[in-house]
Amino acid sequence: MSRATYFVRECPTCGRSLQVRVEYLGRLLVCEHCRGSFQALDPEQQAAPANRPGTNVLDRAEQLLAAFDSQSYRLP
């Protein structure tokens, strides 16, 4: 029986460490904790999260709030 090979990747939405199977490289995955989606990229070839805008939790929260504010909701 062969063992799966994993790499560790932080979820770009919630920041939790995830073990991702190498077979899933290039695929769109969903975090099991927050349901945020991300693409499984080679950890040695991807840029550091601090260098990409919108990857930390506070930036993501601001994006979600802006999306909510841009839609019109009526309270009963």
N, C-alpha and C. Protein backbone atom coordinates (compact mmCIF):
# COMPACT_ATOMS: atom_id res chain seq x y z
N MET A 1 0.85 -1.17 0.00
CA MET A 1 0.00 0.00 0.00
C MET A 1 0.90 1.24 0.00
N SER A 2 0.68 2.14 -0.93
CA SER A 2 1.52 3.35 -1.02
C SER A 2 0.97 4.46 -0.13
N ARG A 3 1.85 5.30 0.31
CA ARG A 3 1.46 6.44 1.15
C ARG A 3 1.34 7.68 0.30
N ALA A 4 0.40 8.54 0.63
CA ALA A 4 0.24 9.81 -0.07
C ALA A 4 1.31 10.78 0.39
N THR A 5 1.74 11.65 -0.51
CA THR A 5 2.71 12.69 -0.18
C THR A 5 1.97 14.01 -0.06
N TYR A 6 2.26 14.75 1.00
CA TYR A 6 1.57 16.00 1.28
C TYR A 6 2.56 17.16 1.33
N PHE A 7 2.03 18.37 1.15
CA PHE A 7 2.78 19.58 1.47
C PHE A 7 1.86 20.45 2.32
N VAL A 8 2.45 21.32 3.10
CA VAL A 8 1.67 22.18 3.99
C VAL A 8 1.44 23.51 3.31
N ARG A 9 0.21 23.99 3.37
CA ARG A 9 -0.20 25.25 2.74
C ARG A 9 -1.13 25.96 3.69
N GLU A 10 -0.95 27.27 3.85
CA GLU A 10 -1.87 28.05 4.66
C GLU A 10 -3.08 28.42 3.83
N CYS A 11 -4.26 28.36 4.43
CA CYS A 11 -5.47 28.80 3.76
C CYS A 11 -5.38 30.32 3.59
N PRO A 12 -5.59 30.84 2.39
CA PRO A 12 -5.50 32.29 2.19
C PRO A 12 -6.64 33.06 2.86
N THR A 13 -7.69 32.38 3.27
CA THR A 13 -8.82 33.06 3.91
C THR A 13 -8.69 33.07 5.43
N CYS A 14 -8.49 31.88 6.04
CA CYS A 14 -8.46 31.82 7.50
C CYS A 14 -7.06 31.68 8.08
N GLY A 15 -6.07 31.33 7.26
CA GLY A 15 -4.69 31.24 7.71
C GLY A 15 -4.30 29.93 8.37
N ARG A 16 -5.22 28.98 8.46
CA ARG A 16 -4.87 27.70 9.08
C ARG A 16 -3.98 26.88 8.16
N SER A 17 -3.12 26.09 8.77
CA SER A 17 -2.24 25.21 8.00
C SER A 17 -3.03 24.00 7.53
N LEU A 18 -2.88 23.67 6.26
CA LEU A 18 -3.58 22.54 5.66
C LEU A 18 -2.57 21.60 5.05
N GLN A 19 -2.82 20.31 5.15
CA GLN A 19 -2.01 19.32 4.46
C GLN A 19 -2.70 19.03 3.13
N VAL A 20 -1.99 19.29 2.04
CA VAL A 20 -2.55 19.12 0.69
C VAL A 20 -1.78 18.02 -0.02
N ARG A 21 -2.51 17.08 -0.59
CA ARG A 21 -1.86 16.01 -1.34
C ARG A 21 -1.19 16.57 -2.59
N VAL A 22 -0.02 16.05 -2.91
CA VAL A 22 0.72 16.50 -4.07
C VAL A 22 -0.10 16.27 -5.35
N GLU A 23 -0.93 15.23 -5.38
CA GLU A 23 -1.76 14.95 -6.56
C GLU A 23 -2.73 16.09 -6.87
N TYR A 24 -3.01 16.94 -5.89
CA TYR A 24 -3.98 18.02 -6.07
C TYR A 24 -3.36 19.32 -6.58
N LEU A 25 -2.06 19.33 -6.86
CA LEU A 25 -1.41 20.53 -7.38
C LEU A 25 -2.12 21.03 -8.63
N GLY A 26 -2.39 22.32 -8.66
CA GLY A 26 -3.06 22.94 -9.80
C GLY A 26 -4.57 22.92 -9.72
N ARG A 27 -5.13 22.20 -8.77
CA ARG A 27 -6.58 22.11 -8.64
C ARG A 27 -7.12 23.18 -7.69
N LEU A 28 -8.40 23.49 -7.86
CA LEU A 28 -9.09 24.40 -6.95
C LEU A 28 -9.58 23.58 -5.76
N LEU A 29 -9.18 23.98 -4.56
CA LEU A 29 -9.55 23.25 -3.35
C LEU A 29 -10.36 24.14 -2.42
N VAL A 30 -11.00 23.53 -1.42
CA VAL A 30 -11.79 24.24 -0.44
C VAL A 30 -11.25 23.91 0.95
N CYS A 31 -11.03 24.93 1.76
CA CYS A 31 -10.55 24.76 3.14
C CYS A 31 -11.62 24.04 3.95
N GLU A 32 -11.22 23.02 4.68
CA GLU A 32 -12.17 22.27 5.48
C GLU A 32 -12.62 23.03 6.73
N HIS A 33 -11.95 24.11 7.06
CA HIS A 33 -12.28 24.88 8.26
C HIS A 33 -13.23 26.04 7.96
N CYS A 34 -12.91 26.84 6.93
CA CYS A 34 -13.69 28.06 6.66
C CYS A 34 -14.45 28.01 5.34
N ARG A 35 -14.23 26.96 4.56
CA ARG A 35 -14.86 26.78 3.25
C ARG A 35 -14.35 27.77 2.20
N GLY A 36 -13.24 28.45 2.48
CA GLY A 36 -12.62 29.34 1.50
C GLY A 36 -11.96 28.52 0.40
N SER A 37 -11.99 29.02 -0.83
CA SER A 37 -11.39 28.28 -1.93
C SER A 37 -10.03 28.86 -2.29
N PHE A 38 -9.15 28.00 -2.79
CA PHE A 38 -7.82 28.41 -3.21
C PHE A 38 -7.29 27.38 -4.18
N GLN A 39 -6.27 27.76 -4.93
CA GLN A 39 -5.64 26.84 -5.86
C GLN A 39 -4.41 26.23 -5.19
N ALA A 40 -4.27 24.93 -5.31
CA ALA A 40 -3.10 24.24 -4.74
C ALA A 40 -1.91 24.48 -5.66
N LEU A 41 -0.98 25.29 -5.18
CA LEU A 41 0.22 25.64 -5.96
C LEU A 41 1.45 25.08 -5.29
N ASP A 42 2.48 24.85 -6.08
CA ASP A 42 3.76 24.37 -5.56
C ASP A 42 4.29 25.38 -4.55
N PRO A 43 4.48 24.96 -3.31
CA PRO A 43 4.91 25.91 -2.27
C PRO A 43 6.25 26.57 -2.56
N GLU A 44 7.10 25.94 -3.34
CA GLU A 44 8.41 26.52 -3.65
C GLU A 44 8.32 27.56 -4.76
N GLN A 45 7.24 27.57 -5.53
CA GLN A 45 7.12 28.51 -6.64
C GLN A 45 6.15 29.63 -6.39
N GLN A 46 5.39 29.60 -5.32
CA GLN A 46 4.42 30.67 -5.09
C GLN A 46 5.03 31.80 -4.29
N ALA A 47 4.53 32.99 -4.51
CA ALA A 47 5.03 34.18 -3.80
C ALA A 47 4.60 34.12 -2.35
N ALA A 48 5.33 34.82 -1.52
CA ALA A 48 4.96 34.89 -0.11
C ALA A 48 3.63 35.60 0.03
N PRO A 49 2.73 35.15 0.92
CA PRO A 49 1.43 35.77 1.06
C PRO A 49 1.48 37.26 1.37
N ALA A 50 2.51 37.73 2.06
CA ALA A 50 2.61 39.15 2.38
C ALA A 50 2.81 40.01 1.13
N ASN A 51 3.30 39.40 0.05
CA ASN A 51 3.54 40.14 -1.18
C ASN A 51 2.32 40.23 -2.08
N ARG A 52 1.24 39.53 -1.73
CA ARG A 52 0.04 39.55 -2.54
C ARG A 52 -1.07 40.27 -1.79
N PRO A 53 -1.67 41.30 -2.39
CA PRO A 53 -2.75 42.01 -1.71
C PRO A 53 -3.98 41.12 -1.54
N GLY A 54 -4.69 41.34 -0.44
CA GLY A 54 -5.95 40.65 -0.22
C GLY A 54 -5.83 39.22 0.27
N THR A 55 -4.67 38.84 0.82
CA THR A 55 -4.52 37.46 1.25
C THR A 55 -4.63 37.27 2.76
N ASN A 56 -4.60 38.34 3.54
CA ASN A 56 -4.73 38.11 4.97
C ASN A 56 -6.20 38.21 5.39
N VAL A 57 -6.48 37.79 6.58
CA VAL A 57 -7.85 37.69 7.06
C VAL A 57 -8.54 39.06 7.09
N LEU A 58 -7.85 40.10 7.52
CA LEU A 58 -8.47 41.42 7.59
C LEU A 58 -8.81 41.96 6.20
N ASP A 59 -7.93 41.74 5.22
CA ASP A 59 -8.23 42.15 3.85
C ASP A 59 -9.45 41.41 3.32
N ARG A 60 -9.52 40.12 3.61
CA ARG A 60 -10.66 39.32 3.15
C ARG A 60 -11.95 39.80 3.81
N ALA A 61 -11.91 40.14 5.09
CA ALA A 61 -13.09 40.65 5.78
C ALA A 61 -13.55 41.97 5.17
N GLU A 62 -12.59 42.84 4.84
CA GLU A 62 -12.94 44.10 4.19
C GLU A 62 -13.60 43.86 2.83
N GLN A 63 -13.10 42.90 2.07
CA GLN A 63 -13.70 42.57 0.78
C GLN A 63 -15.14 42.09 0.94
N LEU A 64 -15.37 41.23 1.94
CA LEU A 64 -16.72 40.72 2.17
C LEU A 64 -17.67 41.82 2.62
N LEU A 65 -17.20 42.71 3.49
CA LEU A 65 -18.04 43.83 3.94
C LEU A 65 -18.37 44.77 2.79
N ALA A 66 -17.40 45.05 1.94
CA ALA A 66 -17.64 45.91 0.79
C ALA A 66 -18.65 45.28 -0.16
N ALA A 67 -18.56 43.97 -0.35
CA ALA A 67 -19.52 43.29 -1.22
C ALA A 67 -20.92 43.35 -0.62
N PHE A 68 -21.03 43.22 0.69
CA PHE A 68 -22.32 43.29 1.37
C PHE A 68 -22.90 44.70 1.25
N ASP A 69 -22.05 45.72 1.46
CA ASP A 69 -22.51 47.11 1.39
C ASP A 69 -22.95 47.50 -0.01
N SER A 70 -22.35 46.89 -1.02
CA SER A 70 -22.68 47.26 -2.40
C SER A 70 -24.01 46.68 -2.86
N GLN A 71 -24.54 45.73 -2.11
CA GLN A 71 -25.85 45.15 -2.44
C GLN A 71 -26.90 45.79 -1.57
N SER A 72 -28.09 45.93 -2.10
CA SER A 72 -29.16 46.54 -1.29
C SER A 72 -29.95 45.45 -0.58
N TYR A 73 -29.99 45.55 0.72
CA TYR A 73 -30.73 44.61 1.55
C TYR A 73 -31.83 45.37 2.27
N ARG A 74 -33.00 44.76 2.33
CA ARG A 74 -34.11 45.37 3.03
C ARG A 74 -34.40 44.57 4.29
N LEU A 75 -34.47 45.26 5.40
CA LEU A 75 -34.82 44.61 6.65
C LEU A 75 -36.33 44.61 6.80
N PRO A 76 -36.88 43.55 7.37
CA PRO A 76 -38.35 43.49 7.55
C PRO A 76 -38.86 44.48 8.55
